Amino acid sequence: MNRDDVAGVLAEPVSQELLGSSIPARLAYEGLDGGPRVIPIGFWCEGGNLLMGTVPNSAKVPALRRNPRVAITIDTQGRWPPRVLLIRGTARLTEVDGVPEGYVEASRKMVPAGEFEAWEQGVRALYQRMVVITVEPHWAKMLDFETTVPKAVEDLIRERQGQD
């Protein structure tokens, strides 16, 4: 998939709704033991990339340095029809001093307004350094189960229509 196609998927209204929602991303990567890992993680967007913050000693940091290939899912839960944004890409890690402003602003989506100030003070006091994980998407698909469905379902529909 080329960058323009990926950007087109990410620009779709349902994709934008999911990217701006309080729903955490689910980041899938390969652990150091070779086994799969999937974790919920807050994120923000910049320049067509998804960014996430983590502490430098988290298990995902050395794993992503060894194998930067990732998959991300952002989806609604308990809502019909489901909305799903699927992304595959490459992670780049950058260690930074303090807490990135993007991390703080992205957290506003999840931390209740009345608790945000205390949360922010606690985070800024705790984290002297963070690692920013920047995922450059190489592939994306949005499934709204009204206009788009998984490819296997598309294929099955075409097959059934050919039998009529």
Protein backbone atom coordinates (compact mmCIF):
# COMPACT_ATOMS: atom_id res chain seq x y z
CA MET A 1 0.00 0.00 0.00
CA ASN A 2 1.46 3.40 -0.85
CA ARG A 3 1.58 6.34 1.56
CA ASP A 4 -1.27 8.18 -0.22
CA ASP A 5 -3.55 5.14 0.07
CA VAL A 6 -2.74 4.84 3.79
CA ALA A 7 -3.36 8.57 4.28
CA GLY A 8 -6.70 8.19 2.50
CA VAL A 9 -7.82 5.42 4.86
CA LEU A 10 -6.68 7.41 7.91
CA ALA A 11 -8.54 10.50 6.64
CA GLU A 12 -11.90 8.70 6.36
CA PRO A 13 -14.52 10.03 8.81
CA VAL A 14 -14.78 6.77 10.78
CA SER A 15 -10.98 6.55 11.02
CA GLN A 16 -10.80 10.14 12.24
CA GLU A 17 -13.51 9.40 14.81
CA LEU A 18 -11.51 6.45 16.14
CA LEU A 19 -8.19 8.33 16.10
CA GLY A 20 -9.76 11.18 18.10
CA SER A 21 -11.64 9.00 20.54
CA SER A 22 -10.74 8.01 24.09
CA ILE A 23 -10.32 4.40 22.98
CA PRO A 24 -6.76 3.18 23.58
CA ALA A 25 -4.85 1.61 20.72
CA ARG A 26 -3.96 -2.04 20.96
CA LEU A 27 -0.32 -2.34 19.98
CA ALA A 28 0.85 -5.76 18.81
CA TYR A 29 4.53 -6.59 18.61
CA GLU A 30 6.93 -9.49 19.01
CA GLY A 31 8.33 -9.95 22.51
CA LEU A 32 11.99 -10.73 23.15
CA ASP A 33 11.04 -14.39 23.65
CA GLY A 34 9.55 -14.48 20.15
CA GLY A 35 5.98 -14.64 21.45
CA PRO A 36 3.24 -12.21 20.45
CA ARG A 37 2.29 -9.30 22.69
CA VAL A 38 -0.75 -7.03 22.53
CA ILE A 39 -1.08 -4.10 24.92
CA PRO A 40 -3.56 -1.26 25.31
CA ILE A 41 -1.79 2.09 25.06
CA GLY A 42 -2.72 5.74 24.74
CA PHE A 43 -1.63 7.50 21.57
CA TRP A 44 -1.61 10.74 19.64
CA CYS A 45 -1.22 11.55 15.97
CA GLU A 46 1.32 13.78 14.23
CA GLY A 47 2.05 14.06 10.54
CA GLY A 48 0.25 10.85 9.61
CA ASN A 49 2.07 8.83 12.30
CA LEU A 50 0.79 7.39 15.57
CA LEU A 51 2.88 8.18 18.64
CA MET A 52 2.88 6.56 22.06
CA GLY A 53 4.88 7.28 25.19
CA THR A 54 6.40 4.74 27.55
CA VAL A 55 9.03 4.48 30.24
CA PRO A 56 12.53 3.62 29.02
CA ASN A 57 12.69 0.36 30.99
CA SER A 58 9.40 -1.09 29.69
CA ALA A 59 9.59 -4.52 28.09
CA LYS A 60 8.39 -3.22 24.73
CA VAL A 61 11.40 -0.92 24.24
CA PRO A 62 14.09 -3.59 23.65
CA ALA A 63 11.55 -5.75 21.82
CA LEU A 64 10.70 -2.93 19.38
CA ARG A 65 14.36 -2.10 18.91
CA ARG A 66 14.96 -5.71 17.88
CA ASN A 67 11.88 -5.99 15.67
CA PRO A 68 10.12 -2.70 14.86
CA ARG A 69 7.25 -4.27 12.90
CA VAL A 70 3.93 -3.62 14.65
CA ALA A 71 0.19 -3.82 14.18
CA ILE A 72 -2.32 -1.49 15.80
CA THR A 73 -6.06 -1.85 16.25
CA ILE A 74 -8.40 0.88 17.44
CA ASP A 75 -11.99 -0.30 17.69
CA THR A 76 -15.31 0.37 19.31
CA GLN A 77 -16.54 -2.07 21.90
CA GLY A 78 -20.13 -3.04 22.58
CA ARG A 79 -21.45 -0.83 19.80
CA TRP A 80 -23.22 -1.95 16.66
CA PRO A 81 -22.09 -1.85 14.01
CA PRO A 82 -18.49 -2.20 15.14
CA ARG A 83 -15.93 0.28 13.87
CA VAL A 84 -12.36 -0.98 13.47
CA LEU A 85 -9.19 0.74 12.29
CA LEU A 86 -6.35 -1.65 11.46
CA ILE A 87 -2.82 -0.35 10.94
CA ARG A 88 0.49 -2.05 10.21
CA GLY A 89 3.76 -0.19 10.31
CA THR A 90 7.25 0.29 11.59
CA ALA A 91 8.08 1.69 15.02
CA ARG A 92 10.89 4.16 15.62
CA LEU A 93 11.97 4.84 19.21
CA THR A 94 13.28 8.14 20.51
CA GLU A 95 14.27 8.73 24.13
CA VAL A 96 13.38 12.22 25.35
CA ASP A 97 13.82 14.25 28.53
CA GLY A 98 10.67 14.72 30.58
CA VAL A 99 7.14 14.08 29.39
CA PRO A 100 6.25 14.90 25.76
CA GLU A 101 3.44 17.42 25.39
CA GLY A 102 1.71 15.08 22.94
CA TYR A 103 1.56 12.42 25.66
CA VAL A 104 -0.02 14.87 28.09
CA GLU A 105 -2.53 16.17 25.53
CA ALA A 106 -3.44 12.63 24.38
CA SER A 107 -4.11 11.69 27.99
CA ARG A 108 -6.85 14.33 28.16
CA LYS A 109 -8.92 11.90 26.08
CA MET A 110 -8.86 9.33 28.89
CA VAL A 111 -8.22 11.04 32.24
CA PRO A 112 -11.38 12.60 33.73
CA ALA A 113 -11.21 16.41 33.67
CA GLY A 114 -11.51 16.70 37.45
CA GLU A 115 -8.51 14.42 37.94
CA PHE A 116 -6.35 15.68 35.10
CA GLU A 117 -4.31 18.31 36.95
CA ALA A 118 -3.27 15.87 39.69
CA TRP A 119 -2.57 13.17 37.10
CA GLU A 120 -0.37 15.53 35.06
CA GLN A 121 1.59 16.66 38.14
CA GLY A 122 2.15 13.04 39.14
CA VAL A 123 3.32 12.02 35.68
CA ARG A 124 5.67 14.98 35.32
CA ALA A 125 7.15 14.27 38.79
CA LEU A 126 7.57 10.55 38.06
CA TYR A 127 8.96 10.46 34.52
CA GLN A 128 12.34 12.10 34.07
CA ARG A 129 12.72 10.46 30.66
CA MET A 130 10.34 8.76 28.28
CA VAL A 131 10.57 6.85 25.04
CA VAL A 132 8.35 8.06 22.23
CA ILE A 133 7.28 5.24 19.93
CA THR A 134 6.50 6.66 16.50
CA VAL A 135 4.67 4.29 14.19
CA GLU A 136 4.78 5.09 10.51
CA PRO A 137 1.81 3.30 8.95
CA HIS A 138 2.57 1.22 5.84
CA TRP A 139 -0.90 -0.32 5.58
CA ALA A 140 -4.32 0.63 6.93
CA LYS A 141 -7.89 -0.56 6.64
CA MET A 142 -11.04 0.79 8.19
CA LEU A 143 -13.94 -1.58 8.75
CA ASP A 144 -17.34 -0.08 9.49
CA PHE A 145 -19.36 -3.21 8.63
CA GLU A 146 -21.69 -1.07 6.54
CA THR A 147 -19.51 -0.02 3.60
CA THR A 148 -16.39 -2.06 4.39
CA VAL A 149 -15.94 -5.56 5.78
CA PRO A 150 -12.95 -7.91 6.15
CA LYS A 151 -11.57 -9.21 2.82
CA ALA A 152 -12.57 -12.80 3.61
CA VAL A 153 -16.17 -11.66 4.02
CA GLU A 154 -15.97 -9.65 0.76
CA ASP A 155 -14.71 -12.77 -1.00
CA LEU A 156 -17.51 -14.89 0.49
CA ILE A 157 -20.15 -12.36 -0.60
CA ARG A 158 -18.76 -12.37 -4.16
CA GLU A 159 -18.71 -16.17 -4.15
CA ARG A 160 -22.34 -16.39 -2.96
CA GLN A 161 -23.47 -13.77 -5.49
CA GLY A 162 -21.83 -15.82 -8.26
CA GLN A 163 -23.92 -18.85 -7.24
CA ASP A 164 -27.25 -17.05 -7.72
